[in-house]
Amino acid sequence: MKRFARLLLLALGAQLGLAGLSPAAAQEVTAPALLAADPGLGGPYKGTVLLVLPSGNGTHLGFILNRPTATSVAAIFPEVAAARKVVSPMFFGGPFMRQTVFALTRSPHPPTEDSVQVLPGLFVAHGHEEAARVAGRVPARSRFYAGVVVWERGALRSELESGAWVIAEPDVDIVIGGSADTLWQRVLERVQTMLALR
């Protein structure tokens, strides 16, 4: 997974992080995590949920999970008949590499030769050809994204210190399953439940 993240960062070059808005304690993200926008966060990231992946040396990349577009997956892969079985639309994954398609797939095994495991039972594939293979092989267990979010060294830590994000344990069912419309509320409820159990 770190190799995948490093390769993407090399392809992206120097990038800018997001801006955090509200105060909170410092935290580090050293393993895959879910980030939910703090209820007080306004602007374009209000109500956003991301899957964030550490990529080494204090840098991170991630996918916005709940920003559906009006484009169908079948329109992106017209040559793949099985792509018509993908119920979810294409998602806007982030502002960087917008022309690159990524697929997140729930699977016990890699869905393609070059896909990379990011969580137990969750793999990512990137590039049109790899994502098309995913659409052809496991369309019902995959979601597709255009672009990624990138944080340069220390940028995510700064956002966490400012209280922009609430951190939750990643869960394949949350990442891939359920409605994108309710994802933010479901992640916040998950965090509240975990805190109540402590």
N, C-alpha and C. Protein backbone atom coordinates (compact mmCIF):
# COMPACT_ATOMS: atom_id res chain seq x y z
N MET A 1 0.82 -1.19 0.00
CA MET A 1 0.00 0.00 0.00
C MET A 1 0.87 1.25 0.00
N LYS A 2 1.95 1.25 0.80
CA LYS A 2 2.83 2.41 0.83
C LYS A 2 3.49 2.62 -0.53
N ARG A 3 3.83 1.51 -1.21
CA ARG A 3 4.42 1.62 -2.54
C ARG A 3 3.45 2.30 -3.49
N PHE A 4 2.19 1.88 -3.45
CA PHE A 4 1.15 2.49 -4.28
C PHE A 4 1.05 3.98 -3.99
N ALA A 5 1.02 4.33 -2.70
CA ALA A 5 0.89 5.73 -2.31
C ALA A 5 2.09 6.54 -2.77
N ARG A 6 3.29 5.99 -2.61
CA ARG A 6 4.49 6.71 -3.03
C ARG A 6 4.49 6.94 -4.54
N LEU A 7 4.09 5.93 -5.31
CA LEU A 7 4.04 6.07 -6.76
C LEU A 7 3.07 7.18 -7.17
N LEU A 8 1.92 7.22 -6.49
CA LEU A 8 0.96 8.28 -6.80
C LEU A 8 1.52 9.65 -6.46
N LEU A 9 2.18 9.75 -5.33
CA LEU A 9 2.73 11.04 -4.94
C LEU A 9 3.82 11.50 -5.90
N LEU A 10 4.63 10.56 -6.39
CA LEU A 10 5.64 10.91 -7.37
C LEU A 10 4.97 11.43 -8.64
N ALA A 11 3.88 10.80 -9.03
CA ALA A 11 3.17 11.24 -10.22
C ALA A 11 2.55 12.62 -10.03
N LEU A 12 2.12 12.89 -8.82
CA LEU A 12 1.46 14.17 -8.55
C LEU A 12 2.45 15.32 -8.42
N GLY A 13 3.63 15.04 -7.88
CA GLY A 13 4.58 16.10 -7.60
C GLY A 13 4.18 16.85 -6.34
N ALA A 14 4.68 18.05 -6.16
CA ALA A 14 4.36 18.83 -4.96
C ALA A 14 2.91 19.27 -4.99
N GLN A 15 2.18 19.01 -3.91
CA GLN A 15 0.76 19.32 -3.86
C GLN A 15 0.43 20.08 -2.58
N LEU A 16 -0.75 20.65 -2.54
CA LEU A 16 -1.21 21.40 -1.37
C LEU A 16 -2.25 20.61 -0.62
N GLY A 17 -2.30 20.76 0.71
CA GLY A 17 -3.33 20.11 1.52
C GLY A 17 -4.60 20.94 1.59
N LEU A 18 -5.56 20.48 2.38
CA LEU A 18 -6.80 21.21 2.61
C LEU A 18 -6.62 22.16 3.78
N ALA A 19 -7.53 23.05 4.01
CA ALA A 19 -7.43 24.00 5.12
C ALA A 19 -8.37 23.59 6.25
N GLY A 20 -7.81 23.39 7.45
CA GLY A 20 -8.64 23.08 8.62
C GLY A 20 -9.17 24.36 9.25
N LEU A 21 -10.31 24.26 9.92
CA LEU A 21 -10.98 25.47 10.37
C LEU A 21 -11.24 25.59 11.86
N SER A 22 -11.33 24.46 12.61
CA SER A 22 -11.72 24.58 14.02
C SER A 22 -10.71 23.92 14.95
N PRO A 23 -10.58 24.38 16.20
CA PRO A 23 -9.54 23.90 17.09
C PRO A 23 -9.79 22.49 17.62
N ALA A 24 -8.72 21.71 17.79
CA ALA A 24 -8.80 20.36 18.38
C ALA A 24 -7.39 19.90 18.72
N ALA A 25 -7.30 18.77 19.40
CA ALA A 25 -6.01 18.24 19.82
C ALA A 25 -5.25 17.66 18.62
N ALA A 26 -3.91 17.68 18.72
CA ALA A 26 -3.06 17.13 17.67
C ALA A 26 -3.21 15.62 17.61
N GLN A 27 -3.23 15.09 16.39
CA GLN A 27 -3.31 13.65 16.18
C GLN A 27 -2.48 13.30 14.97
N GLU A 28 -2.02 12.07 14.93
CA GLU A 28 -1.30 11.57 13.77
C GLU A 28 -2.11 10.47 13.13
N VAL A 29 -2.07 10.37 11.82
CA VAL A 29 -2.69 9.27 11.10
C VAL A 29 -1.56 8.43 10.54
N THR A 30 -1.31 7.30 11.19
CA THR A 30 -0.20 6.43 10.81
C THR A 30 -0.67 5.12 10.20
N ALA A 31 -1.98 4.96 10.06
CA ALA A 31 -2.57 3.78 9.45
C ALA A 31 -3.82 4.24 8.70
N PRO A 32 -4.34 3.44 7.78
CA PRO A 32 -5.57 3.84 7.09
C PRO A 32 -6.67 4.22 8.08
N ALA A 33 -7.41 5.27 7.75
CA ALA A 33 -8.44 5.78 8.65
C ALA A 33 -9.55 6.43 7.85
N LEU A 34 -10.70 6.57 8.49
CA LEU A 34 -11.79 7.37 7.93
C LEU A 34 -11.72 8.75 8.57
N LEU A 35 -11.93 9.77 7.76
CA LEU A 35 -12.03 11.14 8.26
C LEU A 35 -13.42 11.66 7.92
N ALA A 36 -14.11 12.15 8.91
CA ALA A 36 -15.41 12.80 8.69
C ALA A 36 -15.25 14.27 9.03
N ALA A 37 -15.77 15.12 8.19
CA ALA A 37 -15.70 16.56 8.46
C ALA A 37 -16.35 16.87 9.79
N ASP A 38 -15.68 17.67 10.61
CA ASP A 38 -16.26 18.10 11.87
C ASP A 38 -17.59 18.81 11.59
N PRO A 39 -18.60 18.61 12.45
CA PRO A 39 -19.90 19.27 12.21
C PRO A 39 -19.81 20.78 12.04
N GLY A 40 -18.76 21.39 12.59
CA GLY A 40 -18.61 22.84 12.45
C GLY A 40 -17.87 23.27 11.20
N LEU A 41 -17.39 22.30 10.41
CA LEU A 41 -16.62 22.64 9.21
C LEU A 41 -17.56 23.08 8.09
N GLY A 42 -17.30 24.26 7.54
CA GLY A 42 -18.09 24.74 6.41
C GLY A 42 -17.32 24.62 5.12
N GLY A 43 -17.78 25.31 4.09
CA GLY A 43 -17.07 25.32 2.82
C GLY A 43 -17.26 24.05 2.01
N PRO A 44 -16.39 23.82 1.04
CA PRO A 44 -16.58 22.72 0.09
C PRO A 44 -16.44 21.33 0.72
N TYR A 45 -15.83 21.23 1.89
CA TYR A 45 -15.65 19.91 2.52
C TYR A 45 -16.67 19.63 3.62
N LYS A 46 -17.69 20.49 3.73
CA LYS A 46 -18.76 20.25 4.70
C LYS A 46 -19.43 18.90 4.42
N GLY A 47 -19.57 18.08 5.45
CA GLY A 47 -20.23 16.79 5.30
C GLY A 47 -19.44 15.74 4.56
N THR A 48 -18.15 15.97 4.39
CA THR A 48 -17.31 15.06 3.61
C THR A 48 -16.78 13.92 4.46
N VAL A 49 -16.65 12.75 3.85
CA VAL A 49 -15.98 11.59 4.45
C VAL A 49 -14.89 11.13 3.50
N LEU A 50 -13.71 10.88 4.06
CA LEU A 50 -12.59 10.41 3.26
C LEU A 50 -12.01 9.13 3.84
N LEU A 51 -11.49 8.30 2.96
CA LEU A 51 -10.60 7.21 3.35
C LEU A 51 -9.20 7.74 3.14
N VAL A 52 -8.41 7.85 4.22
CA VAL A 52 -7.08 8.42 4.13
C VAL A 52 -6.04 7.33 4.34
N LEU A 53 -4.96 7.40 3.55
CA LEU A 53 -3.89 6.40 3.59
C LEU A 53 -2.56 7.10 3.81
N PRO A 54 -1.81 6.74 4.86
CA PRO A 54 -0.48 7.32 5.02
C PRO A 54 0.44 6.85 3.91
N SER A 55 1.26 7.75 3.40
CA SER A 55 2.13 7.40 2.29
C SER A 55 3.60 7.66 2.58
N GLY A 56 3.94 7.82 3.85
CA GLY A 56 5.34 7.96 4.25
C GLY A 56 5.77 9.39 4.42
N ASN A 57 6.69 9.61 5.36
CA ASN A 57 7.28 10.92 5.61
C ASN A 57 6.26 12.02 5.90
N GLY A 58 5.19 11.65 6.59
CA GLY A 58 4.20 12.64 6.99
C GLY A 58 3.25 13.06 5.89
N THR A 59 3.30 12.39 4.73
CA THR A 59 2.38 12.70 3.64
C THR A 59 1.23 11.69 3.64
N HIS A 60 0.11 12.07 3.04
CA HIS A 60 -1.06 11.21 3.00
C HIS A 60 -1.79 11.41 1.68
N LEU A 61 -2.54 10.41 1.29
CA LEU A 61 -3.47 10.56 0.18
C LEU A 61 -4.78 9.89 0.56
N GLY A 62 -5.84 10.25 -0.13
CA GLY A 62 -7.13 9.69 0.23
C GLY A 62 -8.17 9.89 -0.84
N PHE A 63 -9.33 9.30 -0.60
CA PHE A 63 -10.46 9.38 -1.51
C PHE A 63 -11.67 9.96 -0.81
N ILE A 64 -12.31 10.94 -1.42
CA ILE A 64 -13.59 11.41 -0.92
C ILE A 64 -14.60 10.33 -1.25
N LEU A 65 -15.30 9.83 -0.24
CA LEU A 65 -16.18 8.68 -0.43
C LEU A 65 -17.63 9.03 -0.73
N ASN A 66 -18.03 10.26 -0.46
CA ASN A 66 -19.45 10.59 -0.57
C ASN A 66 -19.73 11.80 -1.47
N ARG A 67 -19.03 11.87 -2.60
CA ARG A 67 -19.28 12.94 -3.56
C ARG A 67 -19.64 12.32 -4.92
N PRO A 68 -20.86 11.80 -5.07
CA PRO A 68 -21.24 11.18 -6.35
C PRO A 68 -21.34 12.22 -7.46
N THR A 69 -21.04 11.78 -8.68
CA THR A 69 -21.20 12.64 -9.85
C THR A 69 -22.43 12.19 -10.63
N ALA A 70 -22.73 12.89 -11.70
CA ALA A 70 -23.87 12.52 -12.55
C ALA A 70 -23.46 11.51 -13.62
N THR A 71 -22.20 11.08 -13.61
CA THR A 71 -21.68 10.16 -14.63
C THR A 71 -21.80 8.72 -14.17
N SER A 72 -22.30 7.86 -15.02
CA SER A 72 -22.38 6.44 -14.69
C SER A 72 -21.04 5.77 -14.97
N VAL A 73 -20.80 4.67 -14.28
CA VAL A 73 -19.58 3.89 -14.53
C VAL A 73 -19.63 3.30 -15.94
N ALA A 74 -20.82 2.93 -16.41
CA ALA A 74 -20.96 2.39 -17.76
C ALA A 74 -20.52 3.41 -18.82
N ALA A 75 -20.72 4.70 -18.55
CA ALA A 75 -20.30 5.72 -19.50
C ALA A 75 -18.78 5.84 -19.55
N ILE A 76 -18.12 5.54 -18.45
CA ILE A 76 -16.66 5.59 -18.41
C ILE A 76 -16.05 4.37 -19.10
N PHE A 77 -16.73 3.23 -18.98
CA PHE A 77 -16.23 1.98 -19.57
C PHE A 77 -17.27 1.40 -20.53
N PRO A 78 -17.56 2.08 -21.63
CA PRO A 78 -18.60 1.58 -22.55
C PRO A 78 -18.25 0.23 -23.17
N GLU A 79 -16.96 -0.09 -23.19
CA GLU A 79 -16.51 -1.35 -23.78
C GLU A 79 -16.68 -2.53 -22.83
N VAL A 80 -17.04 -2.26 -21.57
CA VAL A 80 -17.16 -3.31 -20.56
C VAL A 80 -18.64 -3.52 -20.25
N ALA A 81 -19.20 -4.62 -20.74
CA ALA A 81 -20.64 -4.87 -20.56
C ALA A 81 -21.02 -4.94 -19.09
N ALA A 82 -20.18 -5.54 -18.27
CA ALA A 82 -20.49 -5.70 -16.85
C ALA A 82 -20.54 -4.37 -16.10
N ALA A 83 -19.95 -3.32 -16.67
CA ALA A 83 -19.98 -2.01 -16.00
C ALA A 83 -21.40 -1.50 -15.83
N ARG A 84 -22.33 -2.00 -16.64
CA ARG A 84 -23.73 -1.59 -16.50
C ARG A 84 -24.35 -2.13 -15.21
N LYS A 85 -23.67 -3.09 -14.57
CA LYS A 85 -24.17 -3.66 -13.32
C LYS A 85 -23.77 -2.83 -12.10
N VAL A 86 -22.89 -1.85 -12.30
CA VAL A 86 -22.47 -0.99 -11.19
C VAL A 86 -23.60 -0.01 -10.89
N VAL A 87 -24.21 -0.15 -9.73
CA VAL A 87 -25.35 0.69 -9.36
C VAL A 87 -24.91 2.10 -9.02
N SER A 88 -23.82 2.22 -8.27
CA SER A 88 -23.35 3.55 -7.86
C SER A 88 -22.77 4.31 -9.05
N PRO A 89 -22.90 5.63 -9.07
CA PRO A 89 -22.28 6.41 -10.13
C PRO A 89 -20.77 6.54 -9.89
N MET A 90 -20.08 7.19 -10.79
CA MET A 90 -18.70 7.59 -10.53
C MET A 90 -18.72 8.59 -9.38
N PHE A 91 -17.69 8.54 -8.55
CA PHE A 91 -17.53 9.49 -7.46
C PHE A 91 -16.37 10.42 -7.75
N PHE A 92 -16.48 11.64 -7.24
CA PHE A 92 -15.35 12.58 -7.28
C PHE A 92 -14.45 12.23 -6.10
N GLY A 93 -13.28 11.67 -6.39
CA GLY A 93 -12.39 11.21 -5.33
C GLY A 93 -11.51 12.29 -4.75
N GLY A 94 -11.28 13.36 -5.50
CA GLY A 94 -10.43 14.44 -5.01
C GLY A 94 -9.95 15.31 -6.15
N PRO A 95 -9.33 16.44 -5.81
CA PRO A 95 -8.97 17.43 -6.83
C PRO A 95 -7.70 17.14 -7.61
N PHE A 96 -6.93 16.13 -7.24
CA PHE A 96 -5.70 15.82 -7.93
C PHE A 96 -5.87 14.56 -8.79
N MET A 97 -5.22 14.56 -9.94
CA MET A 97 -5.31 13.45 -10.89
C MET A 97 -6.77 13.18 -11.26
N ARG A 98 -7.50 14.22 -11.58
CA ARG A 98 -8.93 14.08 -11.88
C ARG A 98 -9.22 13.22 -13.09
N GLN A 99 -8.25 13.07 -13.97
CA GLN A 99 -8.46 12.26 -15.17
C GLN A 99 -8.14 10.78 -14.92
N THR A 100 -7.68 10.46 -13.72
CA THR A 100 -7.33 9.08 -13.39
C THR A 100 -8.48 8.41 -12.65
N VAL A 101 -8.85 7.21 -13.08
CA VAL A 101 -9.92 6.45 -12.44
C VAL A 101 -9.33 5.48 -11.43
N PHE A 102 -9.93 5.44 -10.25
CA PHE A 102 -9.54 4.52 -9.19
C PHE A 102 -10.74 3.64 -8.86
N ALA A 103 -10.47 2.42 -8.48
CA ALA A 103 -11.54 1.51 -8.05
C ALA A 103 -11.21 0.99 -6.66
N LEU A 104 -12.17 1.06 -5.76
CA LEU A 104 -12.07 0.43 -4.45
C LEU A 104 -12.98 -0.79 -4.48
N THR A 105 -12.42 -1.95 -4.13
CA THR A 105 -13.14 -3.21 -4.29
C THR A 105 -13.10 -4.04 -3.01
N ARG A 106 -14.27 -4.51 -2.61
CA ARG A 106 -14.35 -5.45 -1.49
C ARG A 106 -14.07 -6.85 -2.07
N SER A 107 -13.01 -7.48 -1.57
CA SER A 107 -12.63 -8.79 -2.10
C SER A 107 -11.65 -9.46 -1.15
N PRO A 108 -11.72 -10.79 -1.01
CA PRO A 108 -10.72 -11.48 -0.21
C PRO A 108 -9.39 -11.64 -0.94
N HIS A 109 -9.41 -11.41 -2.25
CA HIS A 109 -8.22 -11.56 -3.08
C HIS A 109 -8.09 -10.35 -4.01
N PRO A 110 -6.88 -10.05 -4.49
CA PRO A 110 -6.73 -8.93 -5.41
C PRO A 110 -7.61 -9.10 -6.64
N PRO A 111 -8.43 -8.11 -6.98
CA PRO A 111 -9.31 -8.23 -8.14
C PRO A 111 -8.58 -8.13 -9.47
N THR A 112 -7.39 -7.52 -9.47
CA THR A 112 -6.55 -7.45 -10.66
C THR A 112 -5.11 -7.70 -10.25
N GLU A 113 -4.27 -7.91 -11.23
CA GLU A 113 -2.87 -8.22 -10.96
C GLU A 113 -2.13 -7.08 -10.26
N ASP A 114 -2.49 -5.85 -10.57
CA ASP A 114 -1.77 -4.71 -10.01
C ASP A 114 -2.51 -3.99 -8.89
N SER A 115 -3.64 -4.52 -8.45
CA SER A 115 -4.35 -3.86 -7.35
C SER A 115 -3.60 -4.08 -6.04
N VAL A 116 -3.83 -3.16 -5.10
CA VAL A 116 -3.09 -3.14 -3.84
C VAL A 116 -4.07 -3.17 -2.67
N GLN A 117 -3.78 -3.99 -1.68
CA GLN A 117 -4.65 -4.05 -0.50
C GLN A 117 -4.41 -2.83 0.38
N VAL A 118 -5.49 -2.14 0.76
CA VAL A 118 -5.38 -0.98 1.64
C VAL A 118 -5.98 -1.25 3.01
N LEU A 119 -6.91 -2.22 3.07
CA LEU A 119 -7.49 -2.70 4.32
C LEU A 119 -7.73 -4.20 4.14
N PRO A 120 -7.86 -4.95 5.21
CA PRO A 120 -8.26 -6.35 5.03
C PRO A 120 -9.58 -6.43 4.27
N GLY A 121 -9.54 -7.08 3.12
CA GLY A 121 -10.75 -7.21 2.32
C GLY A 121 -11.07 -6.03 1.44
N LEU A 122 -10.16 -5.06 1.32
CA LEU A 122 -10.39 -3.89 0.46
C LEU A 122 -9.13 -3.60 -0.36
N PHE A 123 -9.33 -3.53 -1.67
CA PHE A 123 -8.22 -3.30 -2.59
C PHE A 123 -8.48 -2.05 -3.42
N VAL A 124 -7.38 -1.41 -3.87
CA VAL A 124 -7.50 -0.27 -4.77
C VAL A 124 -6.75 -0.60 -6.06
N ALA A 125 -7.38 -0.23 -7.17
CA ALA A 125 -6.75 -0.32 -8.49
C ALA A 125 -6.81 1.07 -9.10
N HIS A 126 -5.79 1.43 -9.90
CA HIS A 126 -5.83 2.76 -10.50
C HIS A 126 -5.41 2.71 -11.96
N GLY A 127 -5.93 3.67 -12.69
CA GLY A 127 -5.70 3.72 -14.12
C GLY A 127 -6.90 3.14 -14.87
N HIS A 128 -7.12 3.63 -16.08
CA HIS A 128 -8.32 3.23 -16.83
C HIS A 128 -8.36 1.72 -17.08
N GLU A 129 -7.24 1.15 -17.50
CA GLU A 129 -7.24 -0.28 -17.83
C GLU A 129 -7.49 -1.14 -16.61
N GLU A 130 -6.82 -0.82 -15.50
CA GLU A 130 -7.01 -1.61 -14.27
C GLU A 130 -8.44 -1.47 -13.75
N ALA A 131 -8.95 -0.24 -13.74
CA ALA A 131 -10.31 -0.02 -13.26
C ALA A 131 -11.33 -0.70 -14.17
N ALA A 132 -11.06 -0.73 -15.48
CA ALA A 132 -11.96 -1.44 -16.41
C ALA A 132 -11.98 -2.93 -16.11
N ARG A 133 -10.83 -3.49 -15.76
CA ARG A 133 -10.78 -4.91 -15.39
C ARG A 133 -11.63 -5.17 -14.14
N VAL A 134 -11.52 -4.26 -13.18
CA VAL A 134 -12.34 -4.40 -11.96
C VAL A 134 -13.82 -4.35 -12.33
N ALA A 135 -14.20 -3.40 -13.18
CA ALA A 135 -15.60 -3.28 -13.59
C ALA A 135 -16.09 -4.55 -14.28
N GLY A 136 -15.20 -5.20 -15.01
CA GLY A 136 -15.57 -6.41 -15.70
C GLY A 136 -15.65 -7.63 -14.81
N ARG A 137 -14.83 -7.65 -13.75
CA ARG A 137 -14.73 -8.84 -12.90
C ARG A 137 -15.61 -8.79 -11.67
N VAL A 138 -15.64 -7.67 -10.97
CA VAL A 138 -16.39 -7.58 -9.70
C VAL A 138 -17.18 -6.26 -9.63
N PRO A 139 -18.06 -6.01 -10.59
CA PRO A 139 -18.75 -4.72 -10.61
C PRO A 139 -19.63 -4.47 -9.39
N ALA A 140 -20.24 -5.51 -8.85
CA ALA A 140 -21.18 -5.33 -7.73
C ALA A 140 -20.48 -5.05 -6.41
N ARG A 141 -19.17 -5.29 -6.34
CA ARG A 141 -18.44 -5.10 -5.09
C ARG A 141 -17.42 -3.96 -5.18
N SER A 142 -17.64 -3.05 -6.12
CA SER A 142 -16.66 -1.99 -6.36
C SER A 142 -17.33 -0.63 -6.46
N ARG A 143 -16.57 0.39 -6.10
CA ARG A 143 -16.96 1.77 -6.36
C ARG A 143 -15.79 2.45 -7.06
N PHE A 144 -16.12 3.44 -7.89
CA PHE A 144 -15.13 4.03 -8.79
C PHE A 144 -15.04 5.53 -8.54
N TYR A 145 -13.81 6.05 -8.59
CA TYR A 145 -13.53 7.43 -8.22
C TYR A 145 -12.63 8.08 -9.26
N ALA A 146 -12.88 9.35 -9.50
CA ALA A 146 -12.00 10.15 -10.36
C ALA A 146 -11.24 11.11 -9.46
N GLY A 147 -9.92 10.96 -9.41
CA GLY A 147 -9.09 11.84 -8.62
C GLY A 147 -8.87 11.39 -7.19
N VAL A 148 -7.93 12.05 -6.53
CA VAL A 148 -7.58 11.77 -5.14
C VAL A 148 -7.35 13.08 -4.39
N VAL A 149 -7.31 12.99 -3.07
CA VAL A 149 -6.90 14.10 -2.22
C VAL A 149 -5.47 13.82 -1.78
N VAL A 150 -4.63 14.84 -1.76
CA VAL A 150 -3.23 14.69 -1.36
C VAL A 150 -2.89 15.71 -0.28
N TRP A 151 -2.22 15.26 0.76
CA TRP A 151 -1.70 16.14 1.80
C TRP A 151 -0.18 16.06 1.77
N GLU A 152 0.47 17.21 1.60
CA GLU A 152 1.92 17.22 1.67
C GLU A 152 2.35 17.01 3.12
N ARG A 153 3.62 16.90 3.34
CA ARG A 153 4.14 16.57 4.67
C ARG A 153 3.62 17.53 5.73
N GLY A 154 2.99 16.95 6.77
CA GLY A 154 2.50 17.72 7.90
C GLY A 154 1.16 18.40 7.69
N ALA A 155 0.64 18.39 6.46
CA ALA A 155 -0.61 19.13 6.19
C ALA A 155 -1.80 18.50 6.91
N LEU A 156 -1.90 17.17 6.89
CA LEU A 156 -3.03 16.54 7.55
C LEU A 156 -2.95 16.73 9.06
N ARG A 157 -1.75 16.66 9.60
CA ARG A 157 -1.60 16.90 11.04
C ARG A 157 -2.10 18.29 11.41
N SER A 158 -1.79 19.26 10.58
CA SER A 158 -2.25 20.64 10.84
C SER A 158 -3.77 20.72 10.82
N GLU A 159 -4.39 20.02 9.88
CA GLU A 159 -5.84 20.02 9.80
C GLU A 159 -6.47 19.36 11.02
N LEU A 160 -5.84 18.28 11.48
CA LEU A 160 -6.35 17.60 12.67
C LEU A 160 -6.19 18.47 13.91
N GLU A 161 -5.07 19.18 13.98
CA GLU A 161 -4.85 20.09 15.11
C GLU A 161 -5.89 21.20 15.13
N SER A 162 -6.33 21.61 13.94
CA SER A 162 -7.32 22.69 13.87
C SER A 162 -8.74 22.18 14.09
N GLY A 163 -8.90 20.85 14.16
CA GLY A 163 -10.21 20.27 14.42
C GLY A 163 -11.10 20.12 13.20
N ALA A 164 -10.51 20.13 12.00
CA ALA A 164 -11.31 20.02 10.78
C ALA A 164 -11.95 18.65 10.62
N TRP A 165 -11.29 17.62 11.15
CA TRP A 165 -11.74 16.24 10.91
C TRP A 165 -11.95 15.46 12.19
N VAL A 166 -12.88 14.54 12.15
CA VAL A 166 -13.09 13.54 13.19
C VAL A 166 -12.56 12.22 12.63
N ILE A 167 -11.74 11.51 13.41
CA ILE A 167 -11.13 10.26 12.94
C ILE A 167 -11.96 9.07 13.39
N ALA A 168 -12.16 8.12 12.47
CA ALA A 168 -12.87 6.88 12.79
C ALA A 168 -12.08 5.70 12.26
N GLU A 169 -12.27 4.55 12.90
CA GLU A 169 -11.66 3.32 12.40
C GLU A 169 -12.24 3.00 11.03
N PRO A 170 -11.39 2.59 10.09
CA PRO A 170 -11.92 2.24 8.77
C PRO A 170 -12.67 0.93 8.81
N ASP A 171 -13.66 0.80 7.96
CA ASP A 171 -14.50 -0.39 7.92
C ASP A 171 -14.92 -0.58 6.47
N VAL A 172 -14.70 -1.77 5.95
CA VAL A 172 -15.00 -2.03 4.54
C VAL A 172 -16.48 -1.82 4.25
N ASP A 173 -17.35 -2.23 5.18
CA ASP A 173 -18.78 -2.06 4.97
C ASP A 173 -19.16 -0.59 4.83
N ILE A 174 -18.50 0.27 5.60
CA ILE A 174 -18.79 1.70 5.52
C ILE A 174 -18.22 2.28 4.23
N VAL A 175 -17.00 1.87 3.86
CA VAL A 175 -16.35 2.41 2.67
C VAL A 175 -17.12 2.05 1.41
N ILE A 176 -17.52 0.79 1.28
CA ILE A 176 -18.13 0.30 0.05
C ILE A 176 -19.66 0.23 0.13
N GLY A 177 -20.20 -0.05 1.30
CA GLY A 177 -21.64 -0.30 1.40
C GLY A 177 -22.45 0.91 1.80
N GLY A 178 -23.74 0.80 1.61
CA GLY A 178 -24.66 1.83 2.06
C GLY A 178 -24.71 3.04 1.14
N SER A 179 -25.59 3.94 1.47
CA SER A 179 -25.80 5.13 0.67
C SER A 179 -24.75 6.19 0.96
N ALA A 180 -24.24 6.81 -0.08
CA ALA A 180 -23.30 7.92 0.11
C ALA A 180 -23.98 9.11 0.78
N ASP A 181 -25.30 9.22 0.60
CA ASP A 181 -26.04 10.34 1.18
C ASP A 181 -26.04 10.32 2.71
N THR A 182 -25.95 9.13 3.30
CA THR A 182 -26.00 9.02 4.77
C THR A 182 -24.64 8.70 5.37
N LEU A 183 -23.61 8.64 4.54
CA LEU A 183 -22.30 8.18 5.03
C LEU A 183 -21.76 9.06 6.15
N TRP A 184 -21.83 10.38 5.99
CA TRP A 184 -21.27 11.28 7.01
C TRP A 184 -21.94 11.04 8.36
N GLN A 185 -23.28 10.96 8.36
CA GLN A 185 -23.99 10.72 9.61
C GLN A 185 -23.61 9.36 10.21
N ARG A 186 -23.47 8.34 9.36
CA ARG A 186 -23.14 7.01 9.86
C ARG A 186 -21.75 6.96 10.48
N VAL A 187 -20.81 7.67 9.88
CA VAL A 187 -19.45 7.69 10.45
C VAL A 187 -19.43 8.42 11.78
N LEU A 188 -20.12 9.55 11.87
CA LEU A 188 -20.17 10.28 13.15
C LEU A 188 -20.85 9.44 14.23
N GLU A 189 -21.92 8.73 13.87
CA GLU A 189 -22.58 7.86 14.84
C GLU A 189 -21.65 6.74 15.29
N ARG A 190 -20.84 6.23 14.38
CA ARG A 190 -19.86 5.18 14.72
C ARG A 190 -18.85 5.71 15.74
N VAL A 191 -18.37 6.94 15.51
CA VAL A 191 -17.42 7.53 16.44
C VAL A 191 -18.06 7.73 17.81
N GLN A 192 -19.29 8.23 17.83
CA GLN A 192 -19.98 8.45 19.11
C GLN A 192 -20.18 7.14 19.86
N THR A 193 -20.50 6.09 19.14
CA THR A 193 -20.69 4.77 19.77
C THR A 193 -19.40 4.26 20.36
N MET A 194 -18.30 4.40 19.63
CA MET A 194 -17.00 3.95 20.11
C MET A 194 -16.58 4.73 21.35
N LEU A 195 -16.83 6.03 21.35
CA LEU A 195 -16.48 6.85 22.52
C LEU A 195 -17.30 6.45 23.74
N ALA A 196 -18.56 6.11 23.51
CA ALA A 196 -19.44 5.72 24.62
C ALA A 196 -19.02 4.38 25.23
N LEU A 197 -18.37 3.54 24.44
CA LEU A 197 -17.93 2.23 24.92
C LEU A 197 -16.63 2.28 25.67
N ARG A 198 -15.93 3.40 25.62
CA ARG A 198 -14.62 3.50 26.29
C ARG A 198 -14.79 3.72 27.79
